[in-house]
Amino acid sequence: MVNLRSLDLNLLVILHALLEEQHVTRAARRLALSQPATSNALDRCRHIFDDPLLERVAGEMRLTAKAQSLKEPLSQALLAITAIVEIPKVELTQVRQTVRLIMADQPGLIVMTHLLTKLSTSAPKVNLSLLPWRSSKDALHRLENGEADIAISTFPALPPKFYRQQIAYESYVVAMRASHPAAQKFNADEWLAWPHIVVSGEGNARGSVEEVLAQQGKVRHVGAVVPNFTMIDPLIKATDMIATTPMNCLSDPQGLAIFEPPIAVPGFSLHLAWHARRDSDLVVKHVIETLQHLFQKEGIATSIQ
């Protein structure tokens, strides 16, 4: 039996992070420790529990059966210890930390501008790292494996290990240059008579509009697929292409003709999502709460329009 008087509680804290992250480098980053120090702690834990705990399988680290059995009891034990120990209040103005967000480039620029302004007062030493958005599936994957802390995208119902909150609702519009021939007599036929521009981080030409058109036995010609929304404005202003896009994703509506879609194209909910392991991170939670305030209290989605 392990002599409890000789057991370093900090070792259990490190083990908890290792079991949650399943990755030495991510656990080290989460705890603000060096990678060698975290590896050393893992070796000590392996000795104490007489088990590898983390093993490399098919190129990735996986928990052993012993580690799986320790995960929940260890989490509960640390929560109980935290409850009886007075934790000194952390001053957000003094915390240095990087928070990684995933969201589309537009309206990501507007969101980042508002968010940075708020954090410059409440948490001035916190850095924001905006990661490229590819798809909701990719964003969820990066939240799960610890590559990102927060994502703004459209997510279906998520597993219990994730938190999701609706922060806005997006509607589609049809946009083209003001002098576009279709702008003079815009209707469903004109809408489908011209090439369309589609945004997809994965290069996919089919989207929700194709599903709506297919129900009516119609198709559209996709003239270009681009990886980000900021490319829409200059392209439709310089060509005869048309974009069916969320209104908030048009960076400069001046010089554009904007219409309601000629057939009903359902909008979609925009969600704020994060992994449950980040729910105890003071800085990440502060950024989440600031984003919630910007969307729900200050109406940032409306101001983008």
C-alpha atoms as a PDB file:
ATOM      1  CA  MET A   1       0.000   0.000   0.000  1.00  0.00           C
ATOM      2  CA  VAL A   2       1.218   3.471  -0.880  1.00  0.00           C
ATOM      3  CA  ASN A   3       2.244   5.596   2.103  1.00  0.00           C
ATOM      4  CA  LEU A   4      -0.187   8.530   1.771  1.00  0.00           C
ATOM      5  CA  ARG A   5       2.162  10.810   3.717  1.00  0.00           C
ATOM      6  CA  SER A   6       4.730  10.421   0.963  1.00  0.00           C
ATOM      7  CA  LEU A   7       2.260  10.904  -1.911  1.00  0.00           C
ATOM      8  CA  ASP A   8       2.459  14.264  -3.663  1.00  0.00           C
ATOM      9  CA  LEU A   9      -1.056  15.582  -4.323  1.00  0.00           C
ATOM     10  CA  ASN A  10       0.279  17.550  -7.299  1.00  0.00           C
ATOM     11  CA  LEU A  11       1.132  14.206  -8.887  1.00  0.00           C
ATOM     12  CA  LEU A  12      -2.548  13.265  -8.853  1.00  0.00           C
ATOM     13  CA  VAL A  13      -3.445  16.597 -10.440  1.00  0.00           C
ATOM     14  CA  ILE A  14      -0.993  15.893 -13.252  1.00  0.00           C
ATOM     15  CA  LEU A  15      -2.315  12.347 -13.606  1.00  0.00           C
ATOM     16  CA  HIS A  16      -5.863  13.711 -13.860  1.00  0.00           C
ATOM     17  CA  ALA A  17      -4.833  15.975 -16.752  1.00  0.00           C
ATOM     18  CA  LEU A  18      -2.976  13.119 -18.452  1.00  0.00           C
ATOM     19  CA  LEU A  19      -5.986  10.823 -18.240  1.00  0.00           C
ATOM     20  CA  GLU A  20      -8.311  13.494 -19.636  1.00  0.00           C
ATOM     21  CA  GLU A  21      -6.045  14.745 -22.412  1.00  0.00           C
ATOM     22  CA  GLN A  22      -4.509  11.334 -23.262  1.00  0.00           C
ATOM     23  CA  HIS A  23      -1.508  13.279 -24.485  1.00  0.00           C
ATOM     24  CA  VAL A  24       1.604  14.399 -22.584  1.00  0.00           C
ATOM     25  CA  THR A  25       2.147  17.657 -24.484  1.00  0.00           C
ATOM     26  CA  ARG A  26      -1.490  18.778 -24.203  1.00  0.00           C
ATOM     27  CA  ALA A  27      -1.555  17.915 -20.503  1.00  0.00           C
ATOM     28  CA  ALA A  28       1.654  19.913 -20.000  1.00  0.00           C
ATOM     29  CA  ARG A  29       0.169  22.905 -21.826  1.00  0.00           C
ATOM     30  CA  ARG A  30      -3.035  22.675 -19.803  1.00  0.00           C
ATOM     31  CA  LEU A  31      -1.063  22.644 -16.520  1.00  0.00           C
ATOM     32  CA  ALA A  32       1.542  25.217 -17.648  1.00  0.00           C
ATOM     33  CA  LEU A  33       4.304  22.644 -17.087  1.00  0.00           C
ATOM     34  CA  SER A  34       7.205  21.621 -19.279  1.00  0.00           C
ATOM     35  CA  GLN A  35       6.857  18.479 -21.342  1.00  0.00           C
ATOM     36  CA  PRO A  36       9.806  16.773 -19.562  1.00  0.00           C
ATOM     37  CA  ALA A  37       8.299  17.526 -16.134  1.00  0.00           C
ATOM     38  CA  THR A  38       4.968  16.056 -17.223  1.00  0.00           C
ATOM     39  CA  SER A  39       6.671  12.959 -18.659  1.00  0.00           C
ATOM     40  CA  ASN A  40       8.563  12.531 -15.398  1.00  0.00           C
ATOM     41  CA  ALA A  41       5.307  12.740 -13.449  1.00  0.00           C
ATOM     42  CA  LEU A  42       3.798  10.080 -15.722  1.00  0.00           C
ATOM     43  CA  ASP A  43       6.756   7.781 -14.994  1.00  0.00           C
ATOM     44  CA  ARG A  44       6.249   8.268 -11.248  1.00  0.00           C
ATOM     45  CA  CYS A  45       2.536   7.471 -11.592  1.00  0.00           C
ATOM     46  CA  ARG A  46       3.370   4.340 -13.563  1.00  0.00           C
ATOM     47  CA  HIS A  47       5.598   3.236 -10.693  1.00  0.00           C
ATOM     48  CA  ILE A  48       2.964   3.976  -8.045  1.00  0.00           C
ATOM     49  CA  PHE A  49       0.167   2.146  -9.856  1.00  0.00           C
ATOM     50  CA  ASP A  50       2.410  -0.511 -11.388  1.00  0.00           C
ATOM     51  CA  ASP A  51       0.790   0.066 -14.794  1.00  0.00           C
ATOM     52  CA  PRO A  52       1.744   1.873 -18.039  1.00  0.00           C
ATOM     53  CA  LEU A  53      -1.451   4.020 -17.765  1.00  0.00           C
ATOM     54  CA  LEU A  54      -0.857   5.533 -21.229  1.00  0.00           C
ATOM     55  CA  GLU A  55       0.253   3.351 -24.126  1.00  0.00           C
ATOM     56  CA  ARG A  56       0.993   4.161 -27.739  1.00  0.00           C
ATOM     57  CA  VAL A  57      -1.370   2.201 -29.987  1.00  0.00           C
ATOM     58  CA  ALA A  58      -1.602   2.738 -33.755  1.00  0.00           C
ATOM     59  CA  GLY A  59       0.259   6.031 -33.527  1.00  0.00           C
ATOM     60  CA  GLU A  60      -1.761   7.559 -30.686  1.00  0.00           C
ATOM     61  CA  MET A  61      -1.803   7.423 -26.885  1.00  0.00           C
ATOM     62  CA  ARG A  62      -4.572   5.361 -25.300  1.00  0.00           C
ATOM     63  CA  LEU A  63      -5.561   4.657 -21.703  1.00  0.00           C
ATOM     64  CA  THR A  64      -4.942   1.212 -20.290  1.00  0.00           C
ATOM     65  CA  ALA A  65      -7.764  -0.618 -18.520  1.00  0.00           C
ATOM     66  CA  LYS A  66      -6.222   0.424 -15.188  1.00  0.00           C
ATOM     67  CA  ALA A  67      -6.155   4.065 -16.274  1.00  0.00           C
ATOM     68  CA  GLN A  68      -9.801   3.878 -17.352  1.00  0.00           C
ATOM     69  CA  SER A  69     -10.739   2.554 -13.934  1.00  0.00           C
ATOM     70  CA  LEU A  70      -8.853   5.392 -12.222  1.00  0.00           C
ATOM     71  CA  LYS A  71     -10.293   8.209 -14.312  1.00  0.00           C
ATOM     72  CA  GLU A  72     -13.654   8.772 -12.614  1.00  0.00           C
ATOM     73  CA  PRO A  73     -12.581   8.044  -8.984  1.00  0.00           C
ATOM     74  CA  LEU A  74      -9.613  10.383  -9.384  1.00  0.00           C
ATOM     75  CA  SER A  75     -11.807  13.147 -10.798  1.00  0.00           C
ATOM     76  CA  GLN A  76     -14.254  12.795  -7.896  1.00  0.00           C
ATOM     77  CA  ALA A  77     -11.436  12.727  -5.339  1.00  0.00           C
ATOM     78  CA  LEU A  78      -9.899  15.938  -6.657  1.00  0.00           C
ATOM     79  CA  LEU A  79     -13.310  17.631  -6.678  1.00  0.00           C
ATOM     80  CA  ALA A  80     -13.797  16.636  -3.050  1.00  0.00           C
ATOM     81  CA  ILE A  81     -10.371  17.958  -2.065  1.00  0.00           C
ATOM     82  CA  THR A  82     -11.036  21.202  -3.937  1.00  0.00           C
ATOM     83  CA  ALA A  83     -14.306  21.625  -2.047  1.00  0.00           C
ATOM     84  CA  ILE A  84     -12.581  21.553   1.351  1.00  0.00           C
ATOM     85  CA  VAL A  85      -9.562  23.624   0.453  1.00  0.00           C
ATOM     86  CA  GLU A  86      -9.887  27.374   0.132  1.00  0.00           C
ATOM     87  CA  ILE A  87      -8.778  28.257  -3.364  1.00  0.00           C
ATOM     88  CA  PRO A  88      -7.285  31.746  -3.669  1.00  0.00           C
ATOM     89  CA  LYS A  89      -9.163  33.965  -6.093  1.00  0.00           C
ATOM     90  CA  VAL A  90      -7.483  34.219  -9.468  1.00  0.00           C
ATOM     91  CA  GLU A  91      -7.251  37.705 -10.917  1.00  0.00           C
ATOM     92  CA  LEU A  92      -8.105  37.467 -14.596  1.00  0.00           C
ATOM     93  CA  THR A  93      -6.242  40.687 -15.282  1.00  0.00           C
ATOM     94  CA  GLN A  94      -2.990  38.929 -14.344  1.00  0.00           C
ATOM     95  CA  VAL A  95      -3.484  35.579 -16.107  1.00  0.00           C
ATOM     96  CA  ARG A  96      -1.399  34.824 -19.194  1.00  0.00           C
ATOM     97  CA  GLN A  97      -3.031  32.176 -21.371  1.00  0.00           C
ATOM     98  CA  THR A  98      -3.868  31.489 -24.998  1.00  0.00           C
ATOM     99  CA  VAL A  99      -7.456  30.575 -25.847  1.00  0.00           C
ATOM    100  CA  ARG A 100      -7.970  28.873 -29.218  1.00  0.00           C
ATOM    101  CA  LEU A 101     -11.208  29.535 -31.115  1.00  0.00           C
ATOM    102  CA  ILE A 102     -12.634  28.057 -34.303  1.00  0.00           C
ATOM    103  CA  MET A 103     -15.085  30.067 -36.380  1.00  0.00           C
ATOM    104  CA  ALA A 104     -15.580  31.069 -39.991  1.00  0.00           C
ATOM    105  CA  ASP A 105     -13.548  34.019 -41.225  1.00  0.00           C
ATOM    106  CA  GLN A 106     -16.630  36.176 -41.717  1.00  0.00           C
ATOM    107  CA  PRO A 107     -18.219  37.159 -39.345  1.00  0.00           C
ATOM    108  CA  GLY A 108     -15.200  35.959 -37.336  1.00  0.00           C
ATOM    109  CA  LEU A 109     -13.475  39.287 -37.962  1.00  0.00           C
ATOM    110  CA  ILE A 110     -16.327  41.240 -36.366  1.00  0.00           C
ATOM    111  CA  VAL A 111     -16.624  38.801 -33.467  1.00  0.00           C
ATOM    112  CA  MET A 112     -12.886  38.960 -32.781  1.00  0.00           C
ATOM    113  CA  THR A 113     -12.929  42.769 -32.861  1.00  0.00           C
ATOM    114  CA  HIS A 114     -15.680  42.945 -30.226  1.00  0.00           C
ATOM    115  CA  LEU A 115     -14.153  40.147 -28.160  1.00  0.00           C
ATOM    116  CA  LEU A 116     -10.652  41.632 -28.124  1.00  0.00           C
ATOM    117  CA  THR A 117     -12.103  44.986 -27.066  1.00  0.00           C
ATOM    118  CA  LYS A 118     -13.875  43.384 -24.095  1.00  0.00           C
ATOM    119  CA  LEU A 119     -10.891  41.275 -23.057  1.00  0.00           C
ATOM    120  CA  SER A 120      -8.516  44.226 -23.231  1.00  0.00           C
ATOM    121  CA  THR A 121     -10.160  45.376 -20.010  1.00  0.00           C
ATOM    122  CA  SER A 122     -11.224  42.173 -18.250  1.00  0.00           C
ATOM    123  CA  ALA A 123      -8.299  39.893 -19.210  1.00  0.00           C
ATOM    124  CA  PRO A 124      -5.651  41.966 -21.014  1.00  0.00           C
ATOM    125  CA  LYS A 125      -2.914  39.302 -20.861  1.00  0.00           C
ATOM    126  CA  VAL A 126      -5.052  36.611 -22.492  1.00  0.00           C
ATOM    127  CA  ASN A 127      -4.223  35.876 -26.129  1.00  0.00           C
ATOM    128  CA  LEU A 128      -6.760  34.709 -28.704  1.00  0.00           C
ATOM    129  CA  SER A 129      -5.759  32.314 -31.464  1.00  0.00           C
ATOM    130  CA  LEU A 130      -8.300  32.062 -34.296  1.00  0.00           C
ATOM    131  CA  LEU A 131      -8.070  28.682 -36.019  1.00  0.00           C
ATOM    132  CA  PRO A 132      -9.365  28.121 -39.574  1.00  0.00           C
ATOM    133  CA  TRP A 133     -12.897  26.726 -39.884  1.00  0.00           C
ATOM    134  CA  ARG A 134     -13.302  23.771 -42.238  1.00  0.00           C
ATOM    135  CA  SER A 135     -16.553  22.139 -41.161  1.00  0.00           C
ATOM    136  CA  SER A 136     -18.633  21.538 -38.045  1.00  0.00           C
ATOM    137  CA  LYS A 137     -17.403  17.938 -37.936  1.00  0.00           C
ATOM    138  CA  ASP A 138     -13.782  19.059 -38.056  1.00  0.00           C
ATOM    139  CA  ALA A 139     -14.403  21.700 -35.357  1.00  0.00           C
ATOM    140  CA  LEU A 140     -15.936  19.083 -33.059  1.00  0.00           C
ATOM    141  CA  HIS A 141     -12.992  16.765 -33.647  1.00  0.00           C
ATOM    142  CA  ARG A 142     -10.517  19.480 -32.688  1.00  0.00           C
ATOM    143  CA  LEU A 143     -12.494  20.327 -29.547  1.00  0.00           C
ATOM    144  CA  GLU A 144     -12.395  16.673 -28.558  1.00  0.00           C
ATOM    145  CA  ASN A 145      -8.697  16.120 -29.132  1.00  0.00           C
ATOM    146  CA  GLY A 146      -7.705  19.359 -27.392  1.00  0.00           C
ATOM    147  CA  GLU A 147      -6.516  21.325 -30.422  1.00  0.00           C
ATOM    148  CA  ALA A 148      -9.153  24.015 -29.786  1.00  0.00           C
ATOM    149  CA  ASP A 149     -10.966  25.396 -26.739  1.00  0.00           C
ATOM    150  CA  ILE A 150     -14.109  27.006 -28.196  1.00  0.00           C
ATOM    151  CA  ALA A 151     -15.954  26.702 -31.503  1.00  0.00           C
ATOM    152  CA  ILE A 152     -18.662  28.804 -33.120  1.00  0.00           C
ATOM    153  CA  SER A 153     -20.440  26.807 -35.813  1.00  0.00           C
ATOM    154  CA  THR A 154     -23.615  24.839 -36.474  1.00  0.00           C
ATOM    155  CA  PHE A 155     -23.707  21.682 -34.395  1.00  0.00           C
ATOM    156  CA  PRO A 156     -26.344  18.955 -34.110  1.00  0.00           C
ATOM    157  CA  ALA A 157     -27.128  17.496 -30.682  1.00  0.00           C
ATOM    158  CA  LEU A 158     -23.798  16.720 -29.034  1.00  0.00           C
ATOM    159  CA  PRO A 159     -22.643  13.933 -26.687  1.00  0.00           C
ATOM    160  CA  PRO A 160     -22.715  14.690 -22.910  1.00  0.00           C
ATOM    161  CA  LYS A 161     -18.982  15.457 -22.886  1.00  0.00           C
ATOM    162  CA  PHE A 162     -19.694  18.658 -24.846  1.00  0.00           C
ATOM    163  CA  TYR A 163     -21.587  21.835 -24.014  1.00  0.00           C
ATOM    164  CA  ARG A 164     -23.568  23.621 -26.728  1.00  0.00           C
ATOM    165  CA  GLN A 165     -25.554  26.867 -26.652  1.00  0.00           C
ATOM    166  CA  GLN A 166     -27.464  28.610 -29.437  1.00  0.00           C
ATOM    167  CA  ILE A 167     -26.243  32.182 -29.776  1.00  0.00           C
ATOM    168  CA  ALA A 168     -27.816  33.337 -33.047  1.00  0.00           C
ATOM    169  CA  TYR A 169     -29.978  32.349 -35.987  1.00  0.00           C
ATOM    170  CA  GLU A 170     -28.741  32.939 -39.524  1.00  0.00           C
ATOM    171  CA  SER A 171     -30.928  33.503 -42.587  1.00  0.00           C
ATOM    172  CA  TYR A 172     -29.884  33.216 -46.224  1.00  0.00           C
ATOM    173  CA  VAL A 173     -29.897  35.990 -48.812  1.00  0.00           C
ATOM    174  CA  VAL A 174     -29.005  36.064 -52.504  1.00  0.00           C
ATOM    175  CA  ALA A 175     -26.275  38.564 -53.370  1.00  0.00           C
ATOM    176  CA  MET A 176     -24.835  39.797 -56.681  1.00  0.00           C
ATOM    177  CA  ARG A 177     -23.236  42.958 -57.986  1.00  0.00           C
ATOM    178  CA  ALA A 178     -25.697  45.828 -58.291  1.00  0.00           C
ATOM    179  CA  SER A 179     -25.269  45.972 -62.089  1.00  0.00           C
ATOM    180  CA  HIS A 180     -25.804  42.245 -62.556  1.00  0.00           C
ATOM    181  CA  PRO A 181     -28.297  41.497 -65.377  1.00  0.00           C
ATOM    182  CA  ALA A 182     -30.361  39.318 -63.019  1.00  0.00           C
ATOM    183  CA  ALA A 183     -30.836  42.204 -60.581  1.00  0.00           C
ATOM    184  CA  GLN A 184     -33.274  43.955 -62.936  1.00  0.00           C
ATOM    185  CA  LYS A 185     -35.853  41.146 -62.964  1.00  0.00           C
ATOM    186  CA  PHE A 186     -34.783  38.795 -60.212  1.00  0.00           C
ATOM    187  CA  ASN A 187     -36.800  35.584 -59.914  1.00  0.00           C
ATOM    188  CA  ALA A 188     -36.217  31.837 -59.551  1.00  0.00           C
ATOM    189  CA  ASP A 189     -35.330  31.397 -63.220  1.00  0.00           C
ATOM    190  CA  GLU A 190     -32.779  34.223 -63.136  1.00  0.00           C
ATOM    191  CA  TRP A 191     -31.377  32.834 -59.878  1.00  0.00           C
ATOM    192  CA  LEU A 192     -30.630  29.504 -61.534  1.00  0.00           C
ATOM    193  CA  ALA A 193     -29.538  30.925 -64.874  1.00  0.00           C
ATOM    194  CA  TRP A 194     -26.212  32.241 -63.560  1.00  0.00           C
ATOM    195  CA  PRO A 195     -23.190  30.497 -61.986  1.00  0.00           C
ATOM    196  CA  HIS A 196     -23.075  30.378 -58.188  1.00  0.00           C
ATOM    197  CA  ILE A 197     -20.199  30.720 -55.741  1.00  0.00           C
ATOM    198  CA  VAL A 198     -20.117  28.296 -52.785  1.00  0.00           C
ATOM    199  CA  VAL A 199     -18.034  28.473 -49.606  1.00  0.00           C
ATOM    200  CA  SER A 200     -16.634  25.202 -48.280  1.00  0.00           C
ATOM    201  CA  GLY A 201     -13.542  24.639 -46.174  1.00  0.00           C
ATOM    202  CA  GLU A 202     -13.434  21.095 -47.533  1.00  0.00           C
ATOM    203  CA  GLY A 203     -14.011  21.949 -51.198  1.00  0.00           C
ATOM    204  CA  ASN A 204     -17.533  20.510 -51.261  1.00  0.00           C
ATOM    205  CA  ALA A 205     -19.762  21.990 -53.983  1.00  0.00           C
ATOM    206  CA  ARG A 206     -22.962  20.586 -52.456  1.00  0.00           C
ATOM    207  CA  GLY A 207     -24.651  22.248 -49.511  1.00  0.00           C
ATOM    208  CA  SER A 208     -28.038  22.873 -47.934  1.00  0.00           C
ATOM    209  CA  VAL A 209     -29.223  24.810 -51.028  1.00  0.00           C
ATOM    210  CA  GLU A 210     -28.717  21.687 -53.176  1.00  0.00           C
ATOM    211  CA  GLU A 211     -30.975  19.727 -50.828  1.00  0.00           C
ATOM    212  CA  VAL A 212     -33.740  22.321 -51.170  1.00  0.00           C
ATOM    213  CA  LEU A 213     -33.414  22.441 -54.965  1.00  0.00           C
ATOM    214  CA  ALA A 214     -33.402  18.647 -55.240  1.00  0.00           C
ATOM    215  CA  GLN A 215     -36.792  18.512 -53.503  1.00  0.00           C
ATOM    216  CA  GLN A 216     -38.156  20.632 -56.342  1.00  0.00           C
ATOM    217  CA  GLY A 217     -36.332  18.765 -59.094  1.00  0.00           C
ATOM    218  CA  LYS A 218     -34.006  21.716 -59.756  1.00  0.00           C
ATOM    219  CA  VAL A 219     -30.231  22.153 -59.823  1.00  0.00           C
ATOM    220  CA  ARG A 220     -27.909  25.127 -59.901  1.00  0.00           C
ATOM    221  CA  HIS A 221     -24.567  25.569 -61.617  1.00  0.00           C
ATOM    222  CA  VAL A 222     -21.738  26.038 -59.134  1.00  0.00           C
ATOM    223  CA  GLY A 223     -19.137  28.160 -60.864  1.00  0.00           C
ATOM    224  CA  ALA A 224     -16.632  28.354 -58.002  1.00  0.00           C
ATOM    225  CA  VAL A 225     -15.963  26.805 -54.595  1.00  0.00           C
ATOM    226  CA  VAL A 226     -13.854  28.955 -52.251  1.00  0.00           C
ATOM    227  CA  PRO A 227     -12.493  28.204 -48.750  1.00  0.00           C
ATOM    228  CA  ASN A 228     -13.674  31.324 -46.918  1.00  0.00           C
ATOM    229  CA  PHE A 229     -16.451  33.907 -46.870  1.00  0.00           C
ATOM    230  CA  THR A 230     -14.220  36.957 -47.332  1.00  0.00           C
ATOM    231  CA  MET A 231     -13.745  35.908 -50.955  1.00  0.00           C
ATOM    232  CA  ILE A 232     -17.461  36.246 -51.757  1.00  0.00           C
ATOM    233  CA  ASP A 233     -17.678  40.048 -51.977  1.00  0.00           C
ATOM    234  CA  PRO A 234     -14.756  40.705 -54.357  1.00  0.00           C
ATOM    235  CA  LEU A 235     -15.682  37.766 -56.593  1.00  0.00           C
ATOM    236  CA  ILE A 236     -19.367  38.603 -57.058  1.00  0.00           C
ATOM    237  CA  LYS A 237     -18.516  42.285 -57.552  1.00  0.00           C
ATOM    238  CA  ALA A 238     -16.040  41.414 -60.312  1.00  0.00           C
ATOM    239  CA  THR A 239     -17.986  38.638 -62.088  1.00  0.00           C
ATOM    240  CA  ASP A 240     -21.514  37.521 -63.002  1.00  0.00           C
ATOM    241  CA  MET A 241     -21.552  34.925 -60.221  1.00  0.00           C
ATOM    242  CA  ILE A 242     -24.278  34.852 -57.574  1.00  0.00           C
ATOM    243  CA  ALA A 243     -23.959  33.894 -53.897  1.00  0.00           C
ATOM    244  CA  THR A 244     -26.645  32.413 -51.667  1.00  0.00           C
ATOM    245  CA  THR A 245     -25.115  33.054 -48.268  1.00  0.00           C
ATOM    246  CA  PRO A 246     -25.886  34.065 -44.672  1.00  0.00           C
ATOM    247  CA  MET A 247     -26.327  37.833 -44.557  1.00  0.00           C
ATOM    248  CA  ASN A 248     -23.733  38.135 -41.792  1.00  0.00           C
ATOM    249  CA  CYS A 249     -21.110  36.609 -44.067  1.00  0.00           C
ATOM    250  CA  LEU A 250     -21.142  39.541 -46.505  1.00  0.00           C
ATOM    251  CA  SER A 251     -18.291  41.793 -45.418  1.00  0.00           C
ATOM    252  CA  ASP A 252     -19.224  44.849 -47.551  1.00  0.00           C
ATOM    253  CA  PRO A 253     -22.837  44.912 -48.866  1.00  0.00           C
ATOM    254  CA  GLN A 254     -22.315  48.288 -50.578  1.00  0.00           C
ATOM    255  CA  GLY A 255     -22.407  47.880 -54.329  1.00  0.00           C
ATOM    256  CA  LEU A 256     -24.422  44.674 -54.076  1.00  0.00           C
ATOM    257  CA  ALA A 257     -27.998  43.808 -54.942  1.00  0.00           C
ATOM    258  CA  ILE A 258     -29.436  41.645 -52.162  1.00  0.00           C
ATOM    259  CA  PHE A 259     -32.657  39.643 -52.376  1.00  0.00           C
ATOM    260  CA  GLU A 260     -34.588  37.053 -50.421  1.00  0.00           C
ATOM    261  CA  PRO A 261     -34.100  33.587 -51.961  1.00  0.00           C
ATOM    262  CA  PRO A 262     -36.812  33.000 -54.604  1.00  0.00           C
ATOM    263  CA  ILE A 263     -37.596  29.650 -52.994  1.00  0.00           C
ATOM    264  CA  ALA A 264     -37.660  28.991 -49.254  1.00  0.00           C
ATOM    265  CA  VAL A 265     -34.151  28.157 -48.017  1.00  0.00           C
ATOM    266  CA  PRO A 266     -34.243  27.327 -44.285  1.00  0.00           C
ATOM    267  CA  GLY A 267     -31.833  29.215 -42.072  1.00  0.00           C
ATOM    268  CA  PHE A 268     -29.759  27.615 -39.338  1.00  0.00           C
ATOM    269  CA  SER A 269     -28.821  28.053 -35.692  1.00  0.00           C
ATOM    270  CA  LEU A 270     -25.332  29.233 -34.776  1.00  0.00           C
ATOM    271  CA  HIS A 271     -23.903  27.522 -31.705  1.00  0.00           C
ATOM    272  CA  LEU A 272     -21.181  28.135 -29.169  1.00  0.00           C
ATOM    273  CA  ALA A 273     -19.573  24.818 -28.177  1.00  0.00           C
ATOM    274  CA  TRP A 274     -16.785  23.575 -25.915  1.00  0.00           C
ATOM    275  CA  HIS A 275     -15.609  20.309 -24.354  1.00  0.00           C
ATOM    276  CA  ALA A 276     -16.617  19.543 -20.771  1.00  0.00           C
ATOM    277  CA  ARG A 277     -12.954  19.368 -19.749  1.00  0.00           C
ATOM    278  CA  ARG A 278     -12.695  23.121 -20.411  1.00  0.00           C
ATOM    279  CA  ASP A 279     -15.602  23.927 -18.111  1.00  0.00           C
ATOM    280  CA  SER A 280     -13.234  24.166 -15.143  1.00  0.00           C
ATOM    281  CA  ASP A 281     -10.773  26.431 -16.952  1.00  0.00           C
ATOM    282  CA  LEU A 282     -11.323  29.920 -15.536  1.00  0.00           C
ATOM    283  CA  VAL A 283      -9.953  31.776 -18.553  1.00  0.00           C
ATOM    284  CA  VAL A 284     -11.794  29.688 -21.159  1.00  0.00           C
ATOM    285  CA  LYS A 285     -15.033  30.069 -19.207  1.00  0.00           C
ATOM    286  CA  HIS A 286     -14.507  33.843 -19.077  1.00  0.00           C
ATOM    287  CA  VAL A 287     -14.089  33.988 -22.870  1.00  0.00           C
ATOM    288  CA  ILE A 288     -17.214  31.828 -23.288  1.00  0.00           C
ATOM    289  CA  GLU A 289     -19.224  34.081 -20.981  1.00  0.00           C
ATOM    290  CA  THR A 290     -17.946  37.177 -22.800  1.00  0.00           C
ATOM    291  CA  LEU A 291     -19.045  35.691 -26.136  1.00  0.00           C
ATOM    292  CA  GLN A 292     -22.444  34.823 -24.685  1.00  0.00           C
ATOM    293  CA  HIS A 293     -22.824  38.411 -23.484  1.00  0.00           C
ATOM    294  CA  LEU A 294     -21.795  39.843 -26.865  1.00  0.00           C
ATOM    295  CA  PHE A 295     -24.328  37.759 -28.780  1.00  0.00           C
ATOM    296  CA  GLN A 296     -27.220  37.718 -26.321  1.00  0.00           C
ATOM    297  CA  LYS A 297     -26.962  41.027 -24.457  1.00  0.00           C
ATOM    298  CA  GLU A 298     -25.270  43.358 -26.914  1.00  0.00           C
ATOM    299  CA  GLY A 299     -26.785  41.823 -30.059  1.00  0.00           C
ATOM    300  CA  ILE A 300     -23.525  41.419 -31.961  1.00  0.00           C
ATOM    301  CA  ALA A 301     -25.266  39.236 -34.597  1.00  0.00           C
ATOM    302  CA  THR A 302     -27.723  42.042 -35.344  1.00  0.00           C
ATOM    303  CA  SER A 303     -24.991  44.673 -35.475  1.00  0.00           C
ATOM    304  CA  ILE A 304     -23.107  42.650 -38.104  1.00  0.00           C
ATOM    305  CA  GLN A 305     -26.128  42.930 -40.373  1.00  0.00           C
END
